[in-house]
N, C-alpha and C. Protein backbone atom coordinates (compact mmCIF):
# COMPACT_ATOMS: atom_id res chain seq x y z
N MET A 1 -81.87 55.01 73.79
CA MET A 1 -82.42 55.41 72.52
C MET A 1 -82.98 56.81 72.66
N ILE A 2 -82.79 57.63 71.65
CA ILE A 2 -83.30 59.00 71.65
C ILE A 2 -84.59 59.04 70.84
N PHE A 3 -85.61 59.66 71.39
CA PHE A 3 -86.89 59.78 70.71
C PHE A 3 -87.13 61.22 70.32
N GLN A 4 -87.85 61.42 69.24
CA GLN A 4 -88.22 62.74 68.77
C GLN A 4 -89.73 62.90 68.91
N ASP A 5 -90.16 64.01 69.52
CA ASP A 5 -91.59 64.28 69.60
C ASP A 5 -92.15 64.45 68.19
N SER A 6 -93.44 64.14 68.03
CA SER A 6 -94.09 64.35 66.74
C SER A 6 -94.12 65.83 66.41
N PHE A 7 -94.19 66.14 65.12
CA PHE A 7 -94.17 67.53 64.69
C PHE A 7 -95.00 67.67 63.41
N GLU A 8 -95.40 68.90 63.09
CA GLU A 8 -96.13 69.17 61.85
C GLU A 8 -95.13 69.34 60.72
N ALA A 9 -95.41 68.73 59.56
CA ALA A 9 -94.46 68.79 58.46
C ALA A 9 -95.15 68.62 57.12
N GLN A 10 -94.47 69.03 56.08
CA GLN A 10 -94.87 68.77 54.70
C GLN A 10 -94.02 67.59 54.23
N ILE A 11 -94.65 66.45 53.97
CA ILE A 11 -93.94 65.24 53.60
C ILE A 11 -94.13 65.00 52.11
N LYS A 12 -93.02 64.75 51.42
CA LYS A 12 -93.08 64.55 49.97
C LYS A 12 -93.65 63.17 49.65
N GLY A 13 -94.64 63.15 48.77
CA GLY A 13 -95.21 61.91 48.28
C GLY A 13 -94.81 61.71 46.83
N LEU A 14 -95.60 61.00 46.07
CA LEU A 14 -95.29 60.76 44.66
C LEU A 14 -95.52 61.99 43.80
N PHE A 15 -96.55 62.78 44.13
CA PHE A 15 -96.95 63.88 43.26
C PHE A 15 -96.96 65.23 43.95
N GLY A 16 -96.20 65.39 44.99
CA GLY A 16 -96.16 66.66 45.70
C GLY A 16 -96.06 66.43 47.19
N TYR A 17 -96.38 67.47 47.94
CA TYR A 17 -96.24 67.41 49.39
C TYR A 17 -97.58 67.19 50.07
N ASN A 18 -97.52 66.51 51.21
CA ASN A 18 -98.70 66.21 52.02
C ASN A 18 -98.50 66.83 53.39
N LYS A 19 -99.49 67.57 53.88
CA LYS A 19 -99.41 68.14 55.22
C LYS A 19 -99.72 67.03 56.23
N VAL A 20 -98.82 66.81 57.15
CA VAL A 20 -98.98 65.79 58.17
C VAL A 20 -98.88 66.48 59.53
N LEU A 21 -99.92 66.34 60.34
CA LEU A 21 -99.96 67.03 61.62
C LEU A 21 -99.09 66.37 62.69
N LYS A 22 -99.02 65.05 62.65
CA LYS A 22 -98.21 64.34 63.65
C LYS A 22 -97.15 63.50 62.94
N ALA A 23 -96.18 64.19 62.38
CA ALA A 23 -95.09 63.52 61.66
C ALA A 23 -94.04 63.02 62.66
N SER A 24 -93.29 62.05 62.22
CA SER A 24 -92.17 61.55 63.00
C SER A 24 -91.14 61.02 62.02
N TYR A 25 -90.00 60.64 62.50
CA TYR A 25 -88.96 60.09 61.63
C TYR A 25 -89.25 58.61 61.43
N SER A 26 -90.00 58.30 60.39
CA SER A 26 -90.43 56.93 60.17
C SER A 26 -90.59 56.67 58.67
N TYR A 27 -90.07 55.54 58.20
CA TYR A 27 -90.25 55.16 56.80
C TYR A 27 -91.73 54.96 56.49
N LYS A 28 -92.49 54.55 57.49
CA LYS A 28 -93.91 54.25 57.28
C LYS A 28 -94.67 55.50 56.87
N LEU A 29 -94.30 56.63 57.41
CA LEU A 29 -94.94 57.89 57.06
C LEU A 29 -94.71 58.21 55.58
N LEU A 30 -93.48 58.04 55.10
CA LEU A 30 -93.19 58.27 53.69
C LEU A 30 -93.95 57.29 52.81
N GLU A 31 -93.99 56.03 53.22
CA GLU A 31 -94.72 55.01 52.47
C GLU A 31 -96.20 55.37 52.38
N ASN A 32 -96.78 55.80 53.49
CA ASN A 32 -98.21 56.16 53.51
C ASN A 32 -98.49 57.35 52.60
N CYS A 33 -97.61 58.35 52.58
CA CYS A 33 -97.83 59.51 51.71
C CYS A 33 -97.79 59.09 50.25
N CYS A 34 -96.83 58.24 49.88
CA CYS A 34 -96.75 57.76 48.50
C CYS A 34 -97.97 56.93 48.14
N MET A 35 -98.41 56.07 49.06
CA MET A 35 -99.57 55.23 48.79
C MET A 35 -100.82 56.08 48.64
N ASN A 36 -100.99 57.09 49.48
CA ASN A 36 -102.16 57.98 49.37
C ASN A 36 -102.17 58.71 48.03
N ASP A 37 -101.00 59.20 47.58
CA ASP A 37 -100.91 59.85 46.28
C ASP A 37 -101.31 58.88 45.17
N TYR A 38 -100.81 57.66 45.24
CA TYR A 38 -101.13 56.67 44.21
C TYR A 38 -102.63 56.38 44.17
N LEU A 39 -103.22 56.20 45.36
CA LEU A 39 -104.65 55.89 45.42
C LEU A 39 -105.50 57.03 44.85
N LYS A 40 -105.08 58.26 45.06
CA LYS A 40 -105.81 59.40 44.50
C LYS A 40 -105.76 59.38 42.97
N GLN A 41 -104.61 59.03 42.41
CA GLN A 41 -104.44 59.02 40.96
C GLN A 41 -105.11 57.82 40.31
N SER A 42 -105.30 56.75 41.07
CA SER A 42 -105.83 55.50 40.48
C SER A 42 -107.27 55.22 40.92
N ASN A 43 -107.95 56.25 41.40
CA ASN A 43 -109.34 56.10 41.87
C ASN A 43 -109.48 55.02 42.95
N GLY A 44 -108.55 54.99 43.87
CA GLY A 44 -108.64 54.09 45.01
C GLY A 44 -108.19 52.67 44.76
N LYS A 45 -107.58 52.40 43.60
CA LYS A 45 -107.13 51.05 43.28
C LYS A 45 -105.64 50.91 43.60
N TYR A 46 -105.31 49.89 44.37
CA TYR A 46 -103.90 49.63 44.68
C TYR A 46 -103.18 49.10 43.45
N PRO A 47 -101.86 49.28 43.36
CA PRO A 47 -101.11 48.71 42.24
C PRO A 47 -101.21 47.19 42.25
N ASP A 48 -101.14 46.57 41.08
CA ASP A 48 -101.23 45.11 40.98
C ASP A 48 -100.18 44.41 41.82
N TRP A 49 -98.98 45.00 41.90
CA TRP A 49 -97.88 44.36 42.63
C TRP A 49 -98.03 44.51 44.15
N ASN A 50 -98.95 45.32 44.61
CA ASN A 50 -99.10 45.55 46.04
C ASN A 50 -100.08 44.54 46.63
N VAL A 51 -99.62 43.32 46.74
CA VAL A 51 -100.46 42.19 47.14
C VAL A 51 -100.94 42.33 48.59
N GLN A 52 -100.07 42.78 49.47
CA GLN A 52 -100.40 42.85 50.90
C GLN A 52 -101.61 43.74 51.17
N GLU A 53 -101.61 44.96 50.59
CA GLU A 53 -102.72 45.87 50.84
C GLU A 53 -104.03 45.39 50.22
N GLN A 54 -103.94 44.54 49.21
CA GLN A 54 -105.13 44.01 48.57
C GLN A 54 -105.63 42.75 49.27
N ALA A 55 -104.96 42.35 50.34
CA ALA A 55 -105.28 41.12 51.07
C ALA A 55 -105.29 39.93 50.11
N GLY A 56 -104.35 39.97 49.17
CA GLY A 56 -104.24 38.89 48.19
C GLY A 56 -103.20 37.86 48.58
N ASP A 57 -102.97 36.94 47.67
CA ASP A 57 -102.00 35.88 47.89
C ASP A 57 -101.02 35.89 46.74
N TRP A 58 -99.76 35.60 47.04
CA TRP A 58 -98.74 35.56 46.01
C TRP A 58 -98.99 34.37 45.08
N PRO A 59 -98.57 34.49 43.80
CA PRO A 59 -98.67 33.35 42.89
C PRO A 59 -97.85 32.17 43.41
N ALA A 60 -98.26 30.96 43.05
CA ALA A 60 -97.62 29.74 43.55
C ALA A 60 -96.12 29.72 43.26
N GLU A 61 -95.72 30.15 42.06
CA GLU A 61 -94.29 30.11 41.72
C GLU A 61 -93.47 31.01 42.62
N ILE A 62 -94.01 32.13 43.04
CA ILE A 62 -93.31 33.04 43.95
C ILE A 62 -93.20 32.39 45.33
N LYS A 63 -94.28 31.77 45.79
CA LYS A 63 -94.24 31.11 47.10
C LYS A 63 -93.22 29.98 47.12
N VAL A 64 -93.12 29.22 46.02
CA VAL A 64 -92.14 28.13 45.94
C VAL A 64 -90.72 28.69 46.00
N LYS A 65 -90.44 29.73 45.22
CA LYS A 65 -89.10 30.34 45.21
C LYS A 65 -88.76 30.91 46.59
N HIS A 66 -89.73 31.53 47.25
CA HIS A 66 -89.50 32.07 48.59
C HIS A 66 -89.15 30.94 49.56
N SER A 67 -89.87 29.85 49.48
CA SER A 67 -89.61 28.70 50.34
C SER A 67 -88.21 28.14 50.09
N GLU A 68 -87.82 28.05 48.81
CA GLU A 68 -86.48 27.56 48.48
C GLU A 68 -85.41 28.48 49.05
N LEU A 69 -85.62 29.77 48.95
CA LEU A 69 -84.68 30.75 49.48
C LEU A 69 -84.55 30.63 50.99
N MET A 70 -85.68 30.48 51.68
CA MET A 70 -85.65 30.34 53.14
C MET A 70 -84.92 29.05 53.56
N ASN A 71 -85.17 27.96 52.86
CA ASN A 71 -84.49 26.70 53.17
C ASN A 71 -83.00 26.81 52.93
N LYS A 72 -82.61 27.46 51.85
CA LYS A 72 -81.19 27.65 51.55
C LYS A 72 -80.53 28.49 52.66
N SER A 73 -81.24 29.49 53.12
CA SER A 73 -80.73 30.35 54.19
C SER A 73 -80.51 29.56 55.48
N LEU A 74 -81.44 28.66 55.80
CA LEU A 74 -81.32 27.86 57.02
C LEU A 74 -80.14 26.89 56.96
N LYS A 75 -79.80 26.43 55.77
CA LYS A 75 -78.75 25.42 55.61
C LYS A 75 -77.35 26.01 55.50
N ARG A 76 -77.24 27.31 55.26
CA ARG A 76 -75.91 27.89 55.09
C ARG A 76 -75.16 27.93 56.41
N LYS A 77 -73.86 28.01 56.29
CA LYS A 77 -73.01 28.05 57.47
C LYS A 77 -73.31 29.32 58.26
N GLN A 78 -73.53 29.16 59.54
CA GLN A 78 -73.85 30.30 60.39
C GLN A 78 -72.58 30.99 60.85
N GLY A 79 -72.70 32.23 61.15
CA GLY A 79 -71.56 33.00 61.64
C GLY A 79 -70.84 33.66 60.49
N LYS A 80 -70.36 34.81 60.72
CA LYS A 80 -69.69 35.57 59.67
C LYS A 80 -68.21 35.65 59.93
N GLY A 81 -67.71 34.93 60.93
CA GLY A 81 -66.30 35.01 61.25
C GLY A 81 -65.95 36.35 61.89
N ARG A 82 -66.92 36.94 62.52
CA ARG A 82 -66.68 38.23 63.17
C ARG A 82 -65.86 38.04 64.43
N ARG A 83 -65.09 39.04 64.73
CA ARG A 83 -64.27 38.97 65.94
C ARG A 83 -64.75 40.02 66.94
N GLU A 84 -64.42 39.81 68.17
CA GLU A 84 -64.82 40.73 69.22
C GLU A 84 -64.07 42.05 69.05
N VAL A 85 -64.78 43.14 69.28
CA VAL A 85 -64.16 44.46 69.19
C VAL A 85 -63.53 44.78 70.53
N SER A 86 -62.23 45.08 70.49
CA SER A 86 -61.54 45.42 71.75
C SER A 86 -61.74 46.90 72.05
N GLN A 87 -61.73 47.22 73.32
CA GLN A 87 -61.94 48.62 73.72
C GLN A 87 -60.67 49.25 74.19
């Protein structure tokens, strides 16, 4: 695996660019810049749909649907019929 040293960069958020001193190639950095922009615009309040950052719990109907989806996934036929790649 190839690694990239951290670097200084201007990272685009929701409402402009953010100076980041130790940037790297990571989706988390972009997510953090967008979240910081949102928090500035909303006086520190997370969006209603951002349950994880609010340390909240999903509504019961969502948890039931998620459970059904996971059970369906476990019961499906495994394997994609992939074949070995010859060299």
